[in-house]
Amino acid sequence: MEKFSSQVARYTDIPTTLSFLEIAYFSRKHAHCVTEGFIDVYGNKVWDAEWQNAQIYYTPLRLNRIFKEAGLKQLSLEMQFLDYEPFVSMFKEMIDRDDPDILLWHFLVRYEK
């Protein structure tokens, strides 16, 4: 007989610096974000010229460490493209992208305590 855990798996959507880094590499308009230091993968930070402070975004290895330190068991980690409304319109307006295939993506993490 199979035993079922009384723990409930939860999901969370987590932004990543890698999404912004990839956009900067594929979009000529945004290449300066790398050369001018707006994307800091090591520090897990992304800056915008209009922001007073950096936003914190994580890489997969950093997320893995954070989950372990918090005593959480990571069950899965997937990429999720934000290719649906209202995200497509918001992102297009936000970065004035030059390629409709350049989309913001996040990590969808499934975990349990």
C-alpha atoms as a PDB file:
ATOM      1  CA  MET A   1       0.000   0.000   0.000  1.00  0.00           C
ATOM      2  CA  GLU A   2       1.354   3.389  -1.014  1.00  0.00           C
ATOM      3  CA  LYS A   3       1.727   6.027   1.682  1.00  0.00           C
ATOM      4  CA  PHE A   4       0.769   9.587   0.882  1.00  0.00           C
ATOM      5  CA  SER A   5       2.522  12.552   2.412  1.00  0.00           C
ATOM      6  CA  SER A   6       0.442  14.839   4.555  1.00  0.00           C
ATOM      7  CA  GLN A   7       2.511  17.698   3.162  1.00  0.00           C
ATOM      8  CA  VAL A   8       0.989  19.851   0.471  1.00  0.00           C
ATOM      9  CA  ALA A   9       3.022  20.769  -2.587  1.00  0.00           C
ATOM     10  CA  ARG A  10       2.977  24.464  -3.418  1.00  0.00           C
ATOM     11  CA  TYR A  11       3.866  26.446  -6.506  1.00  0.00           C
ATOM     12  CA  THR A  12       5.545  29.807  -6.812  1.00  0.00           C
ATOM     13  CA  ASP A  13       6.497  31.939  -9.784  1.00  0.00           C
ATOM     14  CA  ILE A  14      10.032  33.371  -9.500  1.00  0.00           C
ATOM     15  CA  PRO A  15      11.643  35.896 -11.867  1.00  0.00           C
ATOM     16  CA  THR A  16      15.236  35.300 -12.950  1.00  0.00           C
ATOM     17  CA  THR A  17      18.174  37.462 -14.012  1.00  0.00           C
ATOM     18  CA  LEU A  18      18.751  34.985 -16.837  1.00  0.00           C
ATOM     19  CA  SER A  19      15.572  36.093 -18.597  1.00  0.00           C
ATOM     20  CA  PHE A  20      16.791  39.697 -18.684  1.00  0.00           C
ATOM     21  CA  LEU A  21      20.278  38.604 -19.700  1.00  0.00           C
ATOM     22  CA  GLU A  22      18.897  36.581 -22.589  1.00  0.00           C
ATOM     23  CA  ILE A  23      16.730  39.502 -23.730  1.00  0.00           C
ATOM     24  CA  ALA A  24      19.771  41.804 -23.654  1.00  0.00           C
ATOM     25  CA  TYR A  25      21.748  39.367 -25.809  1.00  0.00           C
ATOM     26  CA  PHE A  26      18.975  38.879 -28.376  1.00  0.00           C
ATOM     27  CA  SER A  27      17.755  42.481 -28.596  1.00  0.00           C
ATOM     28  CA  ARG A  28      20.139  45.079 -30.000  1.00  0.00           C
ATOM     29  CA  LYS A  29      18.144  47.808 -28.283  1.00  0.00           C
ATOM     30  CA  HIS A  30      18.907  46.248 -24.915  1.00  0.00           C
ATOM     31  CA  ALA A  31      22.505  45.068 -25.375  1.00  0.00           C
ATOM     32  CA  HIS A  32      23.669  48.081 -23.360  1.00  0.00           C
ATOM     33  CA  CYS A  33      22.020  46.550 -20.275  1.00  0.00           C
ATOM     34  CA  VAL A  34      24.914  44.101 -20.084  1.00  0.00           C
ATOM     35  CA  THR A  35      27.734  46.512 -20.912  1.00  0.00           C
ATOM     36  CA  GLU A  36      26.397  49.230 -18.594  1.00  0.00           C
ATOM     37  CA  GLY A  37      25.882  46.853 -15.675  1.00  0.00           C
ATOM     38  CA  PHE A  38      22.080  46.906 -15.450  1.00  0.00           C
ATOM     39  CA  ILE A  39      22.103  43.093 -15.162  1.00  0.00           C
ATOM     40  CA  ASP A  40      24.173  41.559 -12.361  1.00  0.00           C
ATOM     41  CA  VAL A  41      23.861  37.764 -12.566  1.00  0.00           C
ATOM     42  CA  TYR A  42      26.376  37.151  -9.771  1.00  0.00           C
ATOM     43  CA  GLY A  43      24.540  39.526  -7.434  1.00  0.00           C
ATOM     44  CA  ASN A  44      21.092  38.373  -8.625  1.00  0.00           C
ATOM     45  CA  LYS A  45      20.068  41.952  -9.400  1.00  0.00           C
ATOM     46  CA  VAL A  46      18.521  43.838 -12.286  1.00  0.00           C
ATOM     47  CA  TRP A  47      18.441  47.635 -12.462  1.00  0.00           C
ATOM     48  CA  ASP A  48      16.355  49.913 -14.610  1.00  0.00           C
ATOM     49  CA  ALA A  49      17.384  53.484 -15.359  1.00  0.00           C
ATOM     50  CA  GLU A  50      14.194  54.696 -13.639  1.00  0.00           C
ATOM     51  CA  TRP A  51      14.482  52.526 -10.488  1.00  0.00           C
ATOM     52  CA  GLN A  52      16.077  53.831  -7.309  1.00  0.00           C
ATOM     53  CA  ASN A  53      17.011  50.301  -6.181  1.00  0.00           C
ATOM     54  CA  ALA A  54      17.799  47.049  -7.929  1.00  0.00           C
ATOM     55  CA  GLN A  55      15.241  44.256  -8.122  1.00  0.00           C
ATOM     56  CA  ILE A  56      16.311  40.821  -6.874  1.00  0.00           C
ATOM     57  CA  TYR A  57      15.982  37.946  -9.350  1.00  0.00           C
ATOM     58  CA  TYR A  58      17.432  34.478  -8.957  1.00  0.00           C
ATOM     59  CA  THR A  59      19.316  31.889 -10.988  1.00  0.00           C
ATOM     60  CA  PRO A  60      18.444  28.161 -10.724  1.00  0.00           C
ATOM     61  CA  LEU A  61      21.472  27.251  -8.590  1.00  0.00           C
ATOM     62  CA  ARG A  62      20.847  30.158  -6.231  1.00  0.00           C
ATOM     63  CA  LEU A  63      17.188  29.129  -5.923  1.00  0.00           C
ATOM     64  CA  ASN A  64      18.219  25.578  -5.120  1.00  0.00           C
ATOM     65  CA  ARG A  65      20.439  26.834  -2.282  1.00  0.00           C
ATOM     66  CA  ILE A  66      17.717  29.140  -0.916  1.00  0.00           C
ATOM     67  CA  PHE A  67      15.162  26.325  -0.885  1.00  0.00           C
ATOM     68  CA  LYS A  68      17.593  23.995   0.933  1.00  0.00           C
ATOM     69  CA  GLU A  69      18.500  26.643   3.511  1.00  0.00           C
ATOM     70  CA  ALA A  70      14.800  27.288   4.131  1.00  0.00           C
ATOM     71  CA  GLY A  71      14.164  23.582   4.698  1.00  0.00           C
ATOM     72  CA  LEU A  72      12.040  23.240   1.585  1.00  0.00           C
ATOM     73  CA  LYS A  73      12.138  20.323  -0.801  1.00  0.00           C
ATOM     74  CA  GLN A  74      12.123  21.434  -4.431  1.00  0.00           C
ATOM     75  CA  LEU A  75       9.973  19.033  -6.451  1.00  0.00           C
ATOM     76  CA  SER A  76      10.339  20.673  -9.861  1.00  0.00           C
ATOM     77  CA  LEU A  77      11.587  23.800 -11.586  1.00  0.00           C
ATOM     78  CA  GLU A  78      10.205  24.776 -14.991  1.00  0.00           C
ATOM     79  CA  MET A  79      10.493  27.740 -17.322  1.00  0.00           C
ATOM     80  CA  GLN A  80       7.242  29.565 -17.934  1.00  0.00           C
ATOM     81  CA  PHE A  81       6.963  32.008 -20.832  1.00  0.00           C
ATOM     82  CA  LEU A  82       4.723  34.970 -20.086  1.00  0.00           C
ATOM     83  CA  ASP A  83       3.279  34.771 -23.596  1.00  0.00           C
ATOM     84  CA  TYR A  84      -0.300  35.643 -22.718  1.00  0.00           C
ATOM     85  CA  GLU A  85      -2.193  38.807 -21.884  1.00  0.00           C
ATOM     86  CA  PRO A  86      -1.830  41.072 -20.007  1.00  0.00           C
ATOM     87  CA  PHE A  87       1.891  40.195 -19.819  1.00  0.00           C
ATOM     88  CA  VAL A  88       2.580  40.467 -23.564  1.00  0.00           C
ATOM     89  CA  SER A  89       1.205  44.020 -23.786  1.00  0.00           C
ATOM     90  CA  MET A  90       2.812  45.139 -20.527  1.00  0.00           C
ATOM     91  CA  PHE A  91       6.206  43.763 -21.509  1.00  0.00           C
ATOM     92  CA  LYS A  92       6.030  45.211 -25.025  1.00  0.00           C
ATOM     93  CA  GLU A  93       5.297  48.652 -23.588  1.00  0.00           C
ATOM     94  CA  MET A  94       7.878  48.288 -20.820  1.00  0.00           C
ATOM     95  CA  ILE A  95      10.882  47.492 -23.023  1.00  0.00           C
ATOM     96  CA  ASP A  96       9.715  48.633 -26.458  1.00  0.00           C
ATOM     97  CA  ARG A  97      10.903  45.310 -27.821  1.00  0.00           C
ATOM     98  CA  ASP A  98      11.944  44.971 -31.423  1.00  0.00           C
ATOM     99  CA  ASP A  99      11.103  41.263 -31.858  1.00  0.00           C
ATOM    100  CA  PRO A 100       7.719  39.685 -31.039  1.00  0.00           C
ATOM    101  CA  ASP A 101       9.441  36.417 -30.123  1.00  0.00           C
ATOM    102  CA  ILE A 102      11.365  38.028 -27.263  1.00  0.00           C
ATOM    103  CA  LEU A 103       9.302  37.308 -24.174  1.00  0.00           C
ATOM    104  CA  LEU A 104       9.817  37.570 -20.468  1.00  0.00           C
ATOM    105  CA  TRP A 105      10.016  34.214 -18.698  1.00  0.00           C
ATOM    106  CA  HIS A 106      10.036  33.107 -15.074  1.00  0.00           C
ATOM    107  CA  PHE A 107      10.644  29.933 -13.139  1.00  0.00           C
ATOM    108  CA  LEU A 108       7.650  27.991 -11.919  1.00  0.00           C
ATOM    109  CA  VAL A 109       8.827  26.116  -8.842  1.00  0.00           C
ATOM    110  CA  ARG A 110       6.942  23.313  -7.119  1.00  0.00           C
ATOM    111  CA  TYR A 111       8.039  22.646  -3.558  1.00  0.00           C
ATOM    112  CA  GLU A 112       6.989  21.272  -0.201  1.00  0.00           C
ATOM    113  CA  LYS A 113       8.040  21.830   3.400  1.00  0.00           C
END
